[in-house]
Amino acid sequence: MTRLTILMTSAAFALSGCLLALPPKGVSAEQIAAYDEAVASIGCDMIGESDYLPVELQTGLTREQVIQVTEYKLAREEAVTLPEGGVRLTTGVCAV
């Protein structure tokens, strides 16, 4: 019984990790690619309003969608949080 519980718990954690890495609902692969390009165009860091607004304008995404894509990138380890706050994209042109 204990072995089954451990196995089921492990499976649940694995599934939850997969679910976190799903693209945001209503955001296409093309929009995610546009997000990557837009974030790269502002220097790869998204810290404040002056960073989010150009990404929204370039991608056509809402603020909520930009935040969701950012969370998606963090979950996929394609971005990292910055010590001063904000996020840095770490893929494509922004790869270190």
C-alpha atoms as a PDB file:
ATOM      1  CA  MET A   1       0.000   0.000   0.000  1.00  0.00           C
ATOM      2  CA  THR A   2       2.780   2.451   0.867  1.00  0.00           C
ATOM      3  CA  ARG A   3       4.575   1.725  -2.368  1.00  0.00           C
ATOM      4  CA  LEU A   4       1.407   2.481  -4.341  1.00  0.00           C
ATOM      5  CA  THR A   5       0.944   5.758  -2.466  1.00  0.00           C
ATOM      6  CA  ILE A   6       4.508   6.827  -3.226  1.00  0.00           C
ATOM      7  CA  LEU A   7       4.079   5.901  -6.871  1.00  0.00           C
ATOM      8  CA  MET A   8       0.815   7.833  -7.133  1.00  0.00           C
ATOM      9  CA  THR A   9       2.311  10.860  -5.383  1.00  0.00           C
ATOM     10  CA  SER A  10       5.289  10.836  -7.747  1.00  0.00           C
ATOM     11  CA  ALA A  11       2.964  10.608 -10.728  1.00  0.00           C
ATOM     12  CA  ALA A  12       0.901  13.525  -9.418  1.00  0.00           C
ATOM     13  CA  PHE A  13       4.006  15.692  -9.045  1.00  0.00           C
ATOM     14  CA  ALA A  14       5.152  14.766 -12.539  1.00  0.00           C
ATOM     15  CA  LEU A  15       1.752  15.627 -13.964  1.00  0.00           C
ATOM     16  CA  SER A  16       1.576  18.921 -12.121  1.00  0.00           C
ATOM     17  CA  GLY A  17       4.962  19.869 -13.551  1.00  0.00           C
ATOM     18  CA  CYS A  18       3.717  19.070 -17.032  1.00  0.00           C
ATOM     19  CA  LEU A  19       0.567  21.094 -16.520  1.00  0.00           C
ATOM     20  CA  LEU A  20       2.541  24.103 -15.390  1.00  0.00           C
ATOM     21  CA  ALA A  21       4.545  23.987 -18.583  1.00  0.00           C
ATOM     22  CA  LEU A  22       1.504  24.165 -20.855  1.00  0.00           C
ATOM     23  CA  PRO A  23       1.174  27.322 -22.922  1.00  0.00           C
ATOM     24  CA  PRO A  24      -1.386  29.802 -21.644  1.00  0.00           C
ATOM     25  CA  LYS A  25      -4.906  29.194 -22.868  1.00  0.00           C
ATOM     26  CA  GLY A  26      -5.700  31.249 -25.940  1.00  0.00           C
ATOM     27  CA  VAL A  27      -2.057  32.046 -26.747  1.00  0.00           C
ATOM     28  CA  SER A  28      -0.727  30.511 -29.961  1.00  0.00           C
ATOM     29  CA  ALA A  29       2.769  29.268 -30.722  1.00  0.00           C
ATOM     30  CA  GLU A  30       3.136  32.236 -33.070  1.00  0.00           C
ATOM     31  CA  GLN A  31       2.282  34.638 -30.262  1.00  0.00           C
ATOM     32  CA  ILE A  32       4.829  32.969 -27.999  1.00  0.00           C
ATOM     33  CA  ALA A  33       7.447  33.368 -30.732  1.00  0.00           C
ATOM     34  CA  ALA A  34       6.428  37.031 -31.081  1.00  0.00           C
ATOM     35  CA  TYR A  35       6.809  37.381 -27.301  1.00  0.00           C
ATOM     36  CA  ASP A  36      10.369  36.031 -27.536  1.00  0.00           C
ATOM     37  CA  GLU A  37      11.207  38.522 -30.286  1.00  0.00           C
ATOM     38  CA  ALA A  38       9.589  41.406 -28.436  1.00  0.00           C
ATOM     39  CA  VAL A  39      11.389  40.654 -25.176  1.00  0.00           C
ATOM     40  CA  ALA A  40      14.680  40.361 -27.060  1.00  0.00           C
ATOM     41  CA  SER A  41      14.021  43.753 -28.667  1.00  0.00           C
ATOM     42  CA  ILE A  42      13.851  45.419 -25.247  1.00  0.00           C
ATOM     43  CA  GLY A  43      17.052  43.831 -23.965  1.00  0.00           C
ATOM     44  CA  CYS A  44      15.745  40.477 -22.650  1.00  0.00           C
ATOM     45  CA  ASP A  45      14.708  41.786 -19.209  1.00  0.00           C
ATOM     46  CA  MET A  46      11.157  42.524 -18.130  1.00  0.00           C
ATOM     47  CA  ILE A  47      11.168  44.517 -14.934  1.00  0.00           C
ATOM     48  CA  GLY A  48       8.564  47.247 -15.069  1.00  0.00           C
ATOM     49  CA  GLU A  49       5.892  49.049 -17.045  1.00  0.00           C
ATOM     50  CA  SER A  50       8.423  50.372 -19.547  1.00  0.00           C
ATOM     51  CA  ASP A  51       9.255  46.764 -20.424  1.00  0.00           C
ATOM     52  CA  TYR A  52       5.791  45.236 -20.466  1.00  0.00           C
ATOM     53  CA  LEU A  53       4.126  47.878 -22.617  1.00  0.00           C
ATOM     54  CA  PRO A  54       6.390  47.445 -25.676  1.00  0.00           C
ATOM     55  CA  VAL A  55       5.984  43.668 -25.455  1.00  0.00           C
ATOM     56  CA  GLU A  56       2.206  44.078 -25.364  1.00  0.00           C
ATOM     57  CA  LEU A  57       2.265  46.440 -28.337  1.00  0.00           C
ATOM     58  CA  GLN A  58       4.606  44.281 -30.415  1.00  0.00           C
ATOM     59  CA  THR A  59       2.757  41.025 -29.755  1.00  0.00           C
ATOM     60  CA  GLY A  60      -0.854  42.136 -29.516  1.00  0.00           C
ATOM     61  CA  LEU A  61      -1.097  40.272 -26.213  1.00  0.00           C
ATOM     62  CA  THR A  62      -2.858  41.714 -23.195  1.00  0.00           C
ATOM     63  CA  ARG A  63      -0.932  42.405 -19.994  1.00  0.00           C
ATOM     64  CA  GLU A  64      -2.469  39.298 -18.447  1.00  0.00           C
ATOM     65  CA  GLN A  65      -1.365  37.185 -21.410  1.00  0.00           C
ATOM     66  CA  VAL A  66       2.161  38.619 -21.281  1.00  0.00           C
ATOM     67  CA  ILE A  67       2.333  37.722 -17.594  1.00  0.00           C
ATOM     68  CA  GLN A  68       1.001  34.228 -18.337  1.00  0.00           C
ATOM     69  CA  VAL A  69       3.577  33.694 -21.093  1.00  0.00           C
ATOM     70  CA  THR A  70       6.277  34.911 -18.714  1.00  0.00           C
ATOM     71  CA  GLU A  71       5.112  32.393 -16.096  1.00  0.00           C
ATOM     72  CA  TYR A  72       5.101  29.719 -18.799  1.00  0.00           C
ATOM     73  CA  LYS A  73       8.680  30.615 -19.732  1.00  0.00           C
ATOM     74  CA  LEU A  74       9.715  30.436 -16.072  1.00  0.00           C
ATOM     75  CA  ALA A  75       8.061  27.022 -15.676  1.00  0.00           C
ATOM     76  CA  ARG A  76       9.921  25.750 -18.749  1.00  0.00           C
ATOM     77  CA  GLU A  77      13.170  27.230 -17.420  1.00  0.00           C
ATOM     78  CA  GLU A  78      13.384  29.504 -20.457  1.00  0.00           C
ATOM     79  CA  ALA A  79      13.522  32.527 -18.169  1.00  0.00           C
ATOM     80  CA  VAL A  80      14.885  33.339 -14.738  1.00  0.00           C
ATOM     81  CA  THR A  81      13.822  35.741 -12.037  1.00  0.00           C
ATOM     82  CA  LEU A  82      16.140  38.655 -11.408  1.00  0.00           C
ATOM     83  CA  PRO A  83      17.378  39.560  -7.922  1.00  0.00           C
ATOM     84  CA  GLU A  84      16.100  43.132  -8.309  1.00  0.00           C
ATOM     85  CA  GLY A  85      12.711  41.856  -9.451  1.00  0.00           C
ATOM     86  CA  GLY A  86      11.498  41.038 -12.896  1.00  0.00           C
ATOM     87  CA  VAL A  87      12.419  38.307 -15.315  1.00  0.00           C
ATOM     88  CA  ARG A  88      15.136  37.658 -17.899  1.00  0.00           C
ATOM     89  CA  LEU A  89      14.462  35.536 -20.961  1.00  0.00           C
ATOM     90  CA  THR A  90      17.275  32.990 -21.384  1.00  0.00           C
ATOM     91  CA  THR A  91      16.600  31.452 -24.783  1.00  0.00           C
ATOM     92  CA  GLY A  92      17.233  32.415 -28.376  1.00  0.00           C
ATOM     93  CA  VAL A  93      18.947  35.766 -28.769  1.00  0.00           C
ATOM     94  CA  CYS A  94      18.714  36.219 -24.998  1.00  0.00           C
ATOM     95  CA  ALA A  95      20.654  33.048 -24.171  1.00  0.00           C
ATOM     96  CA  VAL A  96      23.690  33.852 -22.075  1.00  0.00           C
END
